[in-house]
Amino acid sequence: MRQWIIATITLFTLILLIPALVVLAFGEKQSIPLSAEPKHVQARDEPIVEVAVYRSKEKKVERLPLEQYVIGVVAAEMPAEFEMEALKAQALTARTYIVKQLMHKQTIELPEGANVTDTVMHQVYYNEEQLKQLWGMSYEWKMKKIKEAVEATRGQILTYNNEPIEAAFFSTSNGYTENSEAYWQNAFPYLTSVESPWDEQSPKFYEQMTISVREFEQRLGVKLPKDGSIGKVLARTPGKRVALVDINGKQLTGRDVREKLQLKSTDFTWERKGNNIVITTKGYGHGVGMSQYGANFLAKQGKTYKEIVTYYYQGVQIHDLSLVASKF
């Protein structure tokens, strides 16, 4: 009788305890921050690379890991609102650019100990503090998106003949990208003109500025004729931009005109209105390499970052950084 009573009490106690145990085991999961992300475990054969960035405002050199640098460049150079595949393409160009810079140790006009600056002289780079100020309340989601794009391409670079390419990029084309030799001196087989008609949808496709005749003449070192004409385009580039123009007997390259008048691109037209000249440009940037807005529109059409970069950089391949790491 006594054993039966003890068994009954034990069974009753277990019935009461089991629900509590279930709640403790499954009902109180550890809280995980929304911003938490799985950390990349560095492979044994993944090269450890650091970048020495000259911070122009603080006037000091800051050393940081390669991938952290790429995050800061992508965040500074491309809107976080862009499509993920476009951001991945930008990450690939940013990493390729700095790897080539590290390989060739191009330190002309650089402070001692620096590999690059944080300005358009190389690639614009923002650190976490700058991005928090820039993005404000949007910092968390924008940074998470940028990190995801960089992580998805981690260690990847663009190569041609097993060498990192000149990964030039710009904002918006005039409908075509440009041959490298049409803007710079060197010709690269992968930096050739391709159509980019999607750029017409970019908010930066058209730009118009008004300048006085006097300032126009001073900046270009010319004297306009009295018949009201301005200049004649003598030649155009493969990318449909102005290659050479004649202004009352003085010949200037399209790049000269763009830089001296601070135009958005070398695809320009002009019209004289009284004592002023109205100049209209198409596109924004030098036009060589990858169009950022073009990349974004391609991504919206479902293109992957690999398809985007191999379209704008003709004949290139995507390789792992280990291919060239020994050359640093």
C-alpha atoms as a PDB file:
ATOM      1  CA  MET A   1       0.000   0.000   0.000  1.00  0.00           C
ATOM      2  CA  ARG A   2       2.801   2.356   0.943  1.00  0.00           C
ATOM      3  CA  GLN A   3       4.666   1.662  -2.322  1.00  0.00           C
ATOM      4  CA  TRP A   4       1.502   2.465  -4.317  1.00  0.00           C
ATOM      5  CA  ILE A   5       1.093   5.827  -2.543  1.00  0.00           C
ATOM      6  CA  ILE A   6       4.749   6.758  -3.223  1.00  0.00           C
ATOM      7  CA  ALA A   7       4.419   5.831  -6.915  1.00  0.00           C
ATOM      8  CA  THR A   8       1.261   7.915  -7.233  1.00  0.00           C
ATOM      9  CA  ILE A   9       2.912  11.001  -5.667  1.00  0.00           C
ATOM     10  CA  THR A  10       5.963  10.629  -7.936  1.00  0.00           C
ATOM     11  CA  LEU A  11       3.815  10.409 -11.067  1.00  0.00           C
ATOM     12  CA  PHE A  12       1.775  13.464 -10.007  1.00  0.00           C
ATOM     13  CA  THR A  13       4.980  15.478  -9.428  1.00  0.00           C
ATOM     14  CA  LEU A  14       6.352  14.610 -12.876  1.00  0.00           C
ATOM     15  CA  ILE A  15       3.096  15.677 -14.526  1.00  0.00           C
ATOM     16  CA  LEU A  16       3.470  19.099 -12.889  1.00  0.00           C
ATOM     17  CA  LEU A  17       7.182  19.513 -13.728  1.00  0.00           C
ATOM     18  CA  ILE A  18       7.254  18.400 -17.400  1.00  0.00           C
ATOM     19  CA  PRO A  19       5.499  21.553 -18.846  1.00  0.00           C
ATOM     20  CA  ALA A  20       7.900  23.797 -16.922  1.00  0.00           C
ATOM     21  CA  LEU A  21      10.902  21.893 -18.251  1.00  0.00           C
ATOM     22  CA  VAL A  22       9.586  22.198 -21.817  1.00  0.00           C
ATOM     23  CA  VAL A  23       9.168  25.964 -21.427  1.00  0.00           C
ATOM     24  CA  LEU A  24      12.688  26.335 -20.061  1.00  0.00           C
ATOM     25  CA  ALA A  25      14.166  24.274 -22.877  1.00  0.00           C
ATOM     26  CA  PHE A  26      12.313  25.842 -25.810  1.00  0.00           C
ATOM     27  CA  GLY A  27      10.557  28.998 -24.644  1.00  0.00           C
ATOM     28  CA  GLU A  28      13.505  31.133 -23.564  1.00  0.00           C
ATOM     29  CA  LYS A  29      15.826  31.287 -26.590  1.00  0.00           C
ATOM     30  CA  GLN A  30      18.800  33.570 -26.256  1.00  0.00           C
ATOM     31  CA  SER A  31      18.141  37.014 -27.761  1.00  0.00           C
ATOM     32  CA  ILE A  32      20.159  37.651 -30.960  1.00  0.00           C
ATOM     33  CA  PRO A  33      20.686  41.256 -32.164  1.00  0.00           C
ATOM     34  CA  LEU A  34      19.226  42.016 -35.574  1.00  0.00           C
ATOM     35  CA  SER A  35      22.580  43.222 -36.759  1.00  0.00           C
ATOM     36  CA  ALA A  36      24.355  40.002 -35.828  1.00  0.00           C
ATOM     37  CA  GLU A  37      25.931  38.256 -38.794  1.00  0.00           C
ATOM     38  CA  PRO A  38      27.832  34.988 -39.223  1.00  0.00           C
ATOM     39  CA  LYS A  39      31.538  35.695 -39.068  1.00  0.00           C
ATOM     40  CA  HIS A  40      33.822  34.589 -41.865  1.00  0.00           C
ATOM     41  CA  VAL A  41      36.416  32.103 -40.681  1.00  0.00           C
ATOM     42  CA  GLN A  42      39.621  32.886 -42.529  1.00  0.00           C
ATOM     43  CA  ALA A  43      40.915  29.929 -44.476  1.00  0.00           C
ATOM     44  CA  ARG A  44      44.473  28.844 -43.776  1.00  0.00           C
ATOM     45  CA  ASP A  45      45.594  29.680 -47.311  1.00  0.00           C
ATOM     46  CA  GLU A  46      43.801  33.042 -47.488  1.00  0.00           C
ATOM     47  CA  PRO A  47      46.458  35.775 -47.636  1.00  0.00           C
ATOM     48  CA  ILE A  48      46.489  38.374 -44.878  1.00  0.00           C
ATOM     49  CA  VAL A  49      46.572  41.756 -46.592  1.00  0.00           C
ATOM     50  CA  GLU A  50      46.582  45.214 -45.037  1.00  0.00           C
ATOM     51  CA  VAL A  51      46.022  48.566 -46.694  1.00  0.00           C
ATOM     52  CA  ALA A  52      47.692  51.764 -45.517  1.00  0.00           C
ATOM     53  CA  VAL A  53      45.226  54.578 -46.196  1.00  0.00           C
ATOM     54  CA  TYR A  54      46.200  58.221 -45.898  1.00  0.00           C
ATOM     55  CA  ARG A  55      43.309  59.953 -44.132  1.00  0.00           C
ATOM     56  CA  SER A  56      43.358  63.353 -45.812  1.00  0.00           C
ATOM     57  CA  LYS A  57      41.368  65.181 -43.147  1.00  0.00           C
ATOM     58  CA  GLU A  58      43.290  63.834 -40.149  1.00  0.00           C
ATOM     59  CA  LYS A  59      46.572  63.881 -42.101  1.00  0.00           C
ATOM     60  CA  LYS A  60      47.638  60.471 -40.857  1.00  0.00           C
ATOM     61  CA  VAL A  61      48.112  56.952 -42.225  1.00  0.00           C
ATOM     62  CA  GLU A  62      45.627  54.318 -41.049  1.00  0.00           C
ATOM     63  CA  ARG A  63      46.291  50.604 -41.561  1.00  0.00           C
ATOM     64  CA  LEU A  64      43.348  48.249 -41.910  1.00  0.00           C
ATOM     65  CA  PRO A  65      42.514  44.793 -43.290  1.00  0.00           C
ATOM     66  CA  LEU A  66      41.827  44.555 -47.015  1.00  0.00           C
ATOM     67  CA  GLU A  67      38.172  43.536 -46.725  1.00  0.00           C
ATOM     68  CA  GLN A  68      37.449  46.297 -44.207  1.00  0.00           C
ATOM     69  CA  TYR A  69      38.950  48.773 -46.668  1.00  0.00           C
ATOM     70  CA  VAL A  70      36.757  47.399 -49.478  1.00  0.00           C
ATOM     71  CA  ILE A  71      33.650  47.860 -47.300  1.00  0.00           C
ATOM     72  CA  GLY A  72      34.547  51.519 -46.744  1.00  0.00           C
ATOM     73  CA  VAL A  73      35.156  52.091 -50.454  1.00  0.00           C
ATOM     74  CA  VAL A  74      31.928  50.467 -51.637  1.00  0.00           C
ATOM     75  CA  ALA A  75      29.982  52.440 -49.027  1.00  0.00           C
ATOM     76  CA  ALA A  76      31.578  55.688 -50.196  1.00  0.00           C
ATOM     77  CA  GLU A  77      31.530  55.092 -53.948  1.00  0.00           C
ATOM     78  CA  MET A  78      28.095  53.526 -54.579  1.00  0.00           C
ATOM     79  CA  PRO A  79      24.668  54.252 -53.032  1.00  0.00           C
ATOM     80  CA  ALA A  80      23.605  51.487 -50.624  1.00  0.00           C
ATOM     81  CA  GLU A  81      20.157  51.719 -52.210  1.00  0.00           C
ATOM     82  CA  PHE A  82      21.547  50.114 -55.367  1.00  0.00           C
ATOM     83  CA  GLU A  83      20.801  46.488 -56.193  1.00  0.00           C
ATOM     84  CA  MET A  84      22.819  43.826 -54.375  1.00  0.00           C
ATOM     85  CA  GLU A  85      24.427  42.508 -57.575  1.00  0.00           C
ATOM     86  CA  ALA A  86      25.575  46.026 -58.493  1.00  0.00           C
ATOM     87  CA  LEU A  87      27.123  46.406 -55.031  1.00  0.00           C
ATOM     88  CA  LYS A  88      28.909  43.089 -55.482  1.00  0.00           C
ATOM     89  CA  ALA A  89      30.281  44.307 -58.817  1.00  0.00           C
ATOM     90  CA  GLN A  90      31.504  47.479 -57.092  1.00  0.00           C
ATOM     91  CA  ALA A  91      33.168  45.403 -54.371  1.00  0.00           C
ATOM     92  CA  LEU A  92      35.006  43.438 -57.044  1.00  0.00           C
ATOM     93  CA  THR A  93      36.273  46.581 -58.771  1.00  0.00           C
ATOM     94  CA  ALA A  94      37.290  48.187 -55.469  1.00  0.00           C
ATOM     95  CA  ARG A  95      39.265  45.125 -54.373  1.00  0.00           C
ATOM     96  CA  THR A  96      40.910  44.746 -57.786  1.00  0.00           C
ATOM     97  CA  TYR A  97      41.948  48.394 -57.811  1.00  0.00           C
ATOM     98  CA  ILE A  98      43.692  48.276 -54.451  1.00  0.00           C
ATOM     99  CA  VAL A  99      45.333  44.904 -55.140  1.00  0.00           C
ATOM    100  CA  LYS A 100      46.882  46.286 -58.333  1.00  0.00           C
ATOM    101  CA  GLN A 101      48.006  49.358 -56.394  1.00  0.00           C
ATOM    102  CA  LEU A 102      49.631  47.187 -53.732  1.00  0.00           C
ATOM    103  CA  MET A 103      51.363  45.039 -56.353  1.00  0.00           C
ATOM    104  CA  HIS A 104      52.909  47.920 -58.246  1.00  0.00           C
ATOM    105  CA  LYS A 105      53.552  50.113 -55.201  1.00  0.00           C
ATOM    106  CA  GLN A 106      52.581  53.310 -57.018  1.00  0.00           C
ATOM    107  CA  THR A 107      53.511  55.831 -54.325  1.00  0.00           C
ATOM    108  CA  ILE A 108      53.918  58.971 -56.441  1.00  0.00           C
ATOM    109  CA  GLU A 109      52.451  61.984 -54.596  1.00  0.00           C
ATOM    110  CA  LEU A 110      51.642  59.789 -51.596  1.00  0.00           C
ATOM    111  CA  PRO A 111      52.673  60.524 -48.005  1.00  0.00           C
ATOM    112  CA  GLU A 112      55.335  58.182 -46.625  1.00  0.00           C
ATOM    113  CA  GLY A 113      53.966  54.807 -45.593  1.00  0.00           C
ATOM    114  CA  ALA A 114      50.663  55.114 -47.487  1.00  0.00           C
ATOM    115  CA  ASN A 115      49.389  52.867 -50.261  1.00  0.00           C
ATOM    116  CA  VAL A 116      46.447  55.102 -51.229  1.00  0.00           C
ATOM    117  CA  THR A 117      44.573  58.203 -50.142  1.00  0.00           C
ATOM    118  CA  ASP A 118      40.902  58.276 -49.140  1.00  0.00           C
ATOM    119  CA  THR A 119      40.026  60.684 -51.978  1.00  0.00           C
ATOM    120  CA  VAL A 120      39.091  60.505 -55.663  1.00  0.00           C
ATOM    121  CA  MET A 121      42.822  60.530 -56.390  1.00  0.00           C
ATOM    122  CA  HIS A 122      42.497  56.787 -55.741  1.00  0.00           C
ATOM    123  CA  GLN A 123      39.213  55.521 -54.263  1.00  0.00           C
ATOM    124  CA  VAL A 124      37.030  57.376 -51.800  1.00  0.00           C
ATOM    125  CA  TYR A 125      37.051  55.607 -48.427  1.00  0.00           C
ATOM    126  CA  TYR A 126      34.833  56.297 -45.389  1.00  0.00           C
ATOM    127  CA  ASN A 127      35.298  54.701 -41.985  1.00  0.00           C
ATOM    128  CA  GLU A 128      32.522  53.637 -39.621  1.00  0.00           C
ATOM    129  CA  GLU A 129      32.311  56.991 -37.872  1.00  0.00           C
ATOM    130  CA  GLN A 130      31.971  58.894 -41.159  1.00  0.00           C
ATOM    131  CA  LEU A 131      29.291  56.497 -42.410  1.00  0.00           C
ATOM    132  CA  LYS A 132      27.271  56.828 -39.209  1.00  0.00           C
ATOM    133  CA  GLN A 133      27.261  60.591 -39.693  1.00  0.00           C
ATOM    134  CA  LEU A 134      26.414  60.253 -43.379  1.00  0.00           C
ATOM    135  CA  TRP A 135      23.663  57.641 -43.050  1.00  0.00           C
ATOM    136  CA  GLY A 136      22.195  58.519 -39.673  1.00  0.00           C
ATOM    137  CA  MET A 137      19.250  56.292 -38.773  1.00  0.00           C
ATOM    138  CA  SER A 138      19.806  54.213 -41.913  1.00  0.00           C
ATOM    139  CA  TYR A 139      23.285  53.114 -40.850  1.00  0.00           C
ATOM    140  CA  GLU A 140      22.389  49.605 -39.643  1.00  0.00           C
ATOM    141  CA  TRP A 141      20.589  48.351 -42.746  1.00  0.00           C
ATOM    142  CA  LYS A 142      22.911  50.066 -45.185  1.00  0.00           C
ATOM    143  CA  MET A 143      26.045  48.734 -43.523  1.00  0.00           C
ATOM    144  CA  LYS A 144      24.570  45.229 -43.312  1.00  0.00           C
ATOM    145  CA  LYS A 145      23.833  45.326 -47.047  1.00  0.00           C
ATOM    146  CA  ILE A 146      27.303  46.609 -47.975  1.00  0.00           C
ATOM    147  CA  LYS A 147      28.990  43.967 -45.808  1.00  0.00           C
ATOM    148  CA  GLU A 148      26.910  41.249 -47.420  1.00  0.00           C
ATOM    149  CA  ALA A 149      27.983  42.390 -50.897  1.00  0.00           C
ATOM    150  CA  VAL A 150      31.657  42.487 -49.922  1.00  0.00           C
ATOM    151  CA  GLU A 151      31.506  39.116 -48.165  1.00  0.00           C
ATOM    152  CA  ALA A 152      29.858  37.507 -51.204  1.00  0.00           C
ATOM    153  CA  THR A 153      32.900  38.458 -53.311  1.00  0.00           C
ATOM    154  CA  ARG A 154      35.511  38.023 -50.589  1.00  0.00           C
ATOM    155  CA  GLY A 155      39.006  37.530 -51.990  1.00  0.00           C
ATOM    156  CA  GLN A 156      37.899  37.834 -55.624  1.00  0.00           C
ATOM    157  CA  ILE A 157      39.644  40.076 -58.158  1.00  0.00           C
ATOM    158  CA  LEU A 158      39.302  40.796 -61.870  1.00  0.00           C
ATOM    159  CA  THR A 159      42.201  39.637 -64.015  1.00  0.00           C
ATOM    160  CA  TYR A 160      43.378  39.723 -67.614  1.00  0.00           C
ATOM    161  CA  ASN A 161      46.202  37.332 -68.523  1.00  0.00           C
ATOM    162  CA  ASN A 162      46.374  36.445 -64.812  1.00  0.00           C
ATOM    163  CA  GLU A 163      47.111  40.045 -63.804  1.00  0.00           C
ATOM    164  CA  PRO A 164      44.776  42.408 -61.925  1.00  0.00           C
ATOM    165  CA  ILE A 165      43.121  44.838 -64.315  1.00  0.00           C
ATOM    166  CA  GLU A 166      42.840  48.615 -64.244  1.00  0.00           C
ATOM    167  CA  ALA A 167      39.373  48.511 -62.667  1.00  0.00           C
ATOM    168  CA  ALA A 168      38.162  51.932 -63.773  1.00  0.00           C
ATOM    169  CA  PHE A 169      34.561  52.903 -63.059  1.00  0.00           C
ATOM    170  CA  PHE A 170      32.398  56.002 -63.225  1.00  0.00           C
ATOM    171  CA  SER A 171      28.863  57.161 -62.481  1.00  0.00           C
ATOM    172  CA  THR A 172      26.854  57.399 -65.710  1.00  0.00           C
ATOM    173  CA  SER A 173      27.616  56.966 -69.402  1.00  0.00           C
ATOM    174  CA  ASN A 174      26.218  58.838 -72.386  1.00  0.00           C
ATOM    175  CA  GLY A 175      24.895  55.530 -73.685  1.00  0.00           C
ATOM    176  CA  TYR A 176      28.362  54.105 -74.387  1.00  0.00           C
ATOM    177  CA  THR A 177      31.448  53.439 -72.318  1.00  0.00           C
ATOM    178  CA  GLU A 178      34.771  54.722 -73.610  1.00  0.00           C
ATOM    179  CA  ASN A 179      38.005  53.219 -74.882  1.00  0.00           C
ATOM    180  CA  SER A 180      40.716  53.828 -72.292  1.00  0.00           C
ATOM    181  CA  GLU A 181      43.093  55.399 -74.828  1.00  0.00           C
ATOM    182  CA  ALA A 182      40.421  57.899 -75.821  1.00  0.00           C
ATOM    183  CA  TYR A 183      40.635  59.485 -72.355  1.00  0.00           C
ATOM    184  CA  TRP A 184      44.012  58.365 -71.018  1.00  0.00           C
ATOM    185  CA  GLN A 185      47.229  57.513 -72.834  1.00  0.00           C
ATOM    186  CA  ASN A 186      47.244  53.742 -72.413  1.00  0.00           C
ATOM    187  CA  ALA A 187      45.081  51.264 -74.313  1.00  0.00           C
ATOM    188  CA  PHE A 188      43.819  48.208 -72.438  1.00  0.00           C
ATOM    189  CA  PRO A 189      42.069  45.425 -74.380  1.00  0.00           C
ATOM    190  CA  TYR A 190      39.433  45.007 -71.663  1.00  0.00           C
ATOM    191  CA  LEU A 191      38.627  48.732 -71.455  1.00  0.00           C
ATOM    192  CA  THR A 192      36.845  49.127 -74.776  1.00  0.00           C
ATOM    193  CA  SER A 193      33.613  50.887 -75.658  1.00  0.00           C
ATOM    194  CA  VAL A 194      30.369  48.970 -75.116  1.00  0.00           C
ATOM    195  CA  GLU A 195      26.781  50.104 -75.322  1.00  0.00           C
ATOM    196  CA  SER A 196      25.132  51.097 -72.060  1.00  0.00           C
ATOM    197  CA  PRO A 197      21.695  52.427 -73.030  1.00  0.00           C
ATOM    198  CA  TRP A 198      20.262  51.873 -69.542  1.00  0.00           C
ATOM    199  CA  ASP A 199      22.182  54.900 -68.282  1.00  0.00           C
ATOM    200  CA  GLU A 200      19.643  57.227 -69.859  1.00  0.00           C
ATOM    201  CA  GLN A 201      17.423  56.413 -66.872  1.00  0.00           C
ATOM    202  CA  SER A 202      20.064  57.788 -64.494  1.00  0.00           C
ATOM    203  CA  PRO A 203      19.268  61.066 -62.703  1.00  0.00           C
ATOM    204  CA  LYS A 204      22.782  62.146 -63.695  1.00  0.00           C
ATOM    205  CA  PHE A 205      22.370  61.538 -67.421  1.00  0.00           C
ATOM    206  CA  TYR A 206      21.756  65.185 -68.399  1.00  0.00           C
ATOM    207  CA  GLU A 207      23.408  68.254 -66.915  1.00  0.00           C
ATOM    208  CA  GLN A 208      23.275  71.872 -68.004  1.00  0.00           C
ATOM    209  CA  MET A 209      25.402  74.789 -66.927  1.00  0.00           C
ATOM    210  CA  THR A 210      25.608  78.440 -67.917  1.00  0.00           C
ATOM    211  CA  ILE A 211      28.897  80.315 -68.104  1.00  0.00           C
ATOM    212  CA  SER A 212      29.662  83.844 -69.226  1.00  0.00           C
ATOM    213  CA  VAL A 213      31.484  84.353 -72.516  1.00  0.00           C
ATOM    214  CA  ARG A 214      34.277  86.109 -70.680  1.00  0.00           C
ATOM    215  CA  GLU A 215      34.847  83.270 -68.219  1.00  0.00           C
ATOM    216  CA  PHE A 216      34.599  80.717 -71.034  1.00  0.00           C
ATOM    217  CA  GLU A 217      37.350  82.524 -72.943  1.00  0.00           C
ATOM    218  CA  GLN A 218      39.542  82.888 -69.855  1.00  0.00           C
ATOM    219  CA  ARG A 219      39.304  79.250 -68.812  1.00  0.00           C
ATOM    220  CA  LEU A 220      40.003  77.870 -72.267  1.00  0.00           C
ATOM    221  CA  GLY A 221      42.486  80.546 -73.340  1.00  0.00           C
ATOM    222  CA  VAL A 222      40.515  81.396 -76.485  1.00  0.00           C
ATOM    223  CA  LYS A 223      38.858  84.369 -78.122  1.00  0.00           C
ATOM    224  CA  LEU A 224      35.431  83.710 -79.585  1.00  0.00           C
ATOM    225  CA  PRO A 225      34.635  85.091 -83.058  1.00  0.00           C
ATOM    226  CA  LYS A 226      32.216  88.004 -83.359  1.00  0.00           C
ATOM    227  CA  ASP A 227      29.789  86.061 -85.520  1.00  0.00           C
ATOM    228  CA  GLY A 228      28.284  84.372 -82.451  1.00  0.00           C
ATOM    229  CA  SER A 229      29.731  80.928 -83.150  1.00  0.00           C
ATOM    230  CA  ILE A 230      31.602  78.984 -80.502  1.00  0.00           C
ATOM    231  CA  GLY A 231      33.511  76.010 -81.840  1.00  0.00           C
ATOM    232  CA  LYS A 232      33.403  73.060 -84.186  1.00  0.00           C
ATOM    233  CA  VAL A 233      33.783  69.414 -83.214  1.00  0.00           C
ATOM    234  CA  LEU A 234      36.540  67.928 -85.380  1.00  0.00           C
ATOM    235  CA  ALA A 235      36.501  64.342 -84.099  1.00  0.00           C
ATOM    236  CA  ARG A 236      34.588  62.031 -81.795  1.00  0.00           C
ATOM    237  CA  THR A 237      35.736  59.058 -79.748  1.00  0.00           C
ATOM    238  CA  PRO A 238      34.542  55.438 -80.076  1.00  0.00           C
ATOM    239  CA  GLY A 239      32.224  56.242 -77.159  1.00  0.00           C
ATOM    240  CA  LYS A 240      30.550  59.112 -79.088  1.00  0.00           C
ATOM    241  CA  ARG A 241      32.197  61.815 -76.977  1.00  0.00           C
ATOM    242  CA  VAL A 242      34.104  64.875 -78.142  1.00  0.00           C
ATOM    243  CA  ALA A 243      37.688  63.955 -79.029  1.00  0.00           C
ATOM    244  CA  LEU A 244      38.843  67.235 -80.587  1.00  0.00           C
ATOM    245  CA  VAL A 245      37.272  70.654 -80.992  1.00  0.00           C
ATOM    246  CA  ASP A 246      38.364  73.804 -82.810  1.00  0.00           C
ATOM    247  CA  ILE A 247      37.530  77.158 -81.214  1.00  0.00           C
ATOM    248  CA  ASN A 248      38.428  80.045 -83.495  1.00  0.00           C
ATOM    249  CA  GLY A 249      41.621  78.361 -84.663  1.00  0.00           C
ATOM    250  CA  LYS A 250      42.672  76.811 -81.358  1.00  0.00           C
ATOM    251  CA  GLN A 251      42.310  73.056 -81.040  1.00  0.00           C
ATOM    252  CA  LEU A 252      41.508  71.440 -77.702  1.00  0.00           C
ATOM    253  CA  THR A 253      40.783  67.862 -76.698  1.00  0.00           C
ATOM    254  CA  GLY A 254      37.421  67.013 -75.215  1.00  0.00           C
ATOM    255  CA  ARG A 255      39.174  66.171 -71.967  1.00  0.00           C
ATOM    256  CA  ASP A 256      40.854  69.606 -71.912  1.00  0.00           C
ATOM    257  CA  VAL A 257      37.490  71.313 -72.315  1.00  0.00           C
ATOM    258  CA  ARG A 258      35.858  69.124 -69.676  1.00  0.00           C
ATOM    259  CA  GLU A 259      38.552  69.719 -67.079  1.00  0.00           C
ATOM    260  CA  LYS A 260      38.967  73.445 -67.674  1.00  0.00           C
ATOM    261  CA  LEU A 261      35.228  74.110 -67.649  1.00  0.00           C
ATOM    262  CA  GLN A 262      34.572  71.464 -64.953  1.00  0.00           C
ATOM    263  CA  LEU A 263      31.984  69.653 -67.050  1.00  0.00           C
ATOM    264  CA  LYS A 264      30.375  66.365 -66.033  1.00  0.00           C
ATOM    265  CA  SER A 265      31.547  64.561 -69.173  1.00  0.00           C
ATOM    266  CA  THR A 266      33.222  64.963 -72.569  1.00  0.00           C
ATOM    267  CA  ASP A 267      29.941  64.487 -74.426  1.00  0.00           C
ATOM    268  CA  PHE A 268      28.894  68.122 -74.599  1.00  0.00           C
ATOM    269  CA  THR A 269      27.076  70.603 -76.824  1.00  0.00           C
ATOM    270  CA  TRP A 270      26.962  74.361 -76.413  1.00  0.00           C
ATOM    271  CA  GLU A 271      24.873  77.329 -77.444  1.00  0.00           C
ATOM    272  CA  ARG A 272      25.574  81.035 -77.190  1.00  0.00           C
ATOM    273  CA  LYS A 273      22.844  83.183 -75.677  1.00  0.00           C
ATOM    274  CA  GLY A 274      23.869  86.803 -75.526  1.00  0.00           C
ATOM    275  CA  ASN A 275      26.811  87.172 -73.168  1.00  0.00           C
ATOM    276  CA  ASN A 276      26.427  83.623 -71.880  1.00  0.00           C
ATOM    277  CA  ILE A 277      27.094  80.123 -73.144  1.00  0.00           C
ATOM    278  CA  VAL A 278      24.774  77.259 -72.187  1.00  0.00           C
ATOM    279  CA  ILE A 279      26.537  73.891 -72.126  1.00  0.00           C
ATOM    280  CA  THR A 280      24.639  70.583 -72.015  1.00  0.00           C
ATOM    281  CA  THR A 281      26.411  67.347 -71.131  1.00  0.00           C
ATOM    282  CA  LYS A 282      25.358  63.714 -71.320  1.00  0.00           C
ATOM    283  CA  GLY A 283      26.725  61.294 -68.732  1.00  0.00           C
ATOM    284  CA  TYR A 284      28.803  61.824 -65.613  1.00  0.00           C
ATOM    285  CA  GLY A 285      32.444  60.814 -65.392  1.00  0.00           C
ATOM    286  CA  HIS A 286      35.303  59.822 -67.689  1.00  0.00           C
ATOM    287  CA  GLY A 287      33.276  56.984 -69.226  1.00  0.00           C
ATOM    288  CA  VAL A 288      35.960  54.291 -68.989  1.00  0.00           C
ATOM    289  CA  GLY A 289      35.173  50.888 -67.477  1.00  0.00           C
ATOM    290  CA  MET A 290      32.056  50.081 -65.476  1.00  0.00           C
ATOM    291  CA  SER A 291      29.118  52.450 -65.391  1.00  0.00           C
ATOM    292  CA  GLN A 292      27.697  52.371 -61.860  1.00  0.00           C
ATOM    293  CA  TYR A 293      24.172  53.286 -62.908  1.00  0.00           C
ATOM    294  CA  GLY A 294      24.459  50.917 -65.838  1.00  0.00           C
ATOM    295  CA  ALA A 295      25.470  48.149 -63.438  1.00  0.00           C
ATOM    296  CA  ASN A 296      22.467  48.916 -61.250  1.00  0.00           C
ATOM    297  CA  PHE A 297      20.016  48.784 -64.144  1.00  0.00           C
ATOM    298  CA  LEU A 298      21.533  45.494 -65.333  1.00  0.00           C
ATOM    299  CA  ALA A 299      21.102  44.112 -61.819  1.00  0.00           C
ATOM    300  CA  LYS A 300      17.445  45.154 -61.905  1.00  0.00           C
ATOM    301  CA  GLN A 301      17.118  43.072 -65.071  1.00  0.00           C
ATOM    302  CA  GLY A 302      18.345  40.027 -63.170  1.00  0.00           C
ATOM    303  CA  LYS A 303      22.010  40.049 -64.217  1.00  0.00           C
ATOM    304  CA  THR A 304      24.534  38.716 -61.700  1.00  0.00           C
ATOM    305  CA  TYR A 305      27.605  40.621 -60.625  1.00  0.00           C
ATOM    306  CA  LYS A 306      29.738  38.259 -62.693  1.00  0.00           C
ATOM    307  CA  GLU A 307      27.680  39.025 -65.792  1.00  0.00           C
ATOM    308  CA  ILE A 308      27.904  42.750 -65.059  1.00  0.00           C
ATOM    309  CA  VAL A 309      31.678  42.940 -64.689  1.00  0.00           C
ATOM    310  CA  THR A 310      32.395  40.694 -67.665  1.00  0.00           C
ATOM    311  CA  TYR A 311      30.183  42.936 -69.796  1.00  0.00           C
ATOM    312  CA  TYR A 312      31.865  46.202 -68.859  1.00  0.00           C
ATOM    313  CA  TYR A 313      35.373  44.704 -68.713  1.00  0.00           C
ATOM    314  CA  GLN A 314      35.682  42.720 -71.919  1.00  0.00           C
ATOM    315  CA  GLY A 315      37.561  39.411 -71.787  1.00  0.00           C
ATOM    316  CA  VAL A 316      38.373  39.469 -68.066  1.00  0.00           C
ATOM    317  CA  GLN A 317      38.231  36.588 -65.604  1.00  0.00           C
ATOM    318  CA  ILE A 318      37.472  36.383 -61.902  1.00  0.00           C
ATOM    319  CA  HIS A 319      40.266  34.867 -59.847  1.00  0.00           C
ATOM    320  CA  ASP A 320      41.064  34.395 -56.189  1.00  0.00           C
ATOM    321  CA  LEU A 321      43.435  36.868 -54.573  1.00  0.00           C
ATOM    322  CA  SER A 322      45.877  34.029 -53.837  1.00  0.00           C
ATOM    323  CA  LEU A 323      46.788  34.082 -57.553  1.00  0.00           C
ATOM    324  CA  VAL A 324      48.823  37.276 -57.070  1.00  0.00           C
ATOM    325  CA  ALA A 325      49.319  37.510 -53.294  1.00  0.00           C
ATOM    326  CA  SER A 326      52.975  36.483 -53.552  1.00  0.00           C
ATOM    327  CA  LYS A 327      53.669  39.587 -55.658  1.00  0.00           C
ATOM    328  CA  PHE A 328      52.832  42.077 -52.876  1.00  0.00           C
END
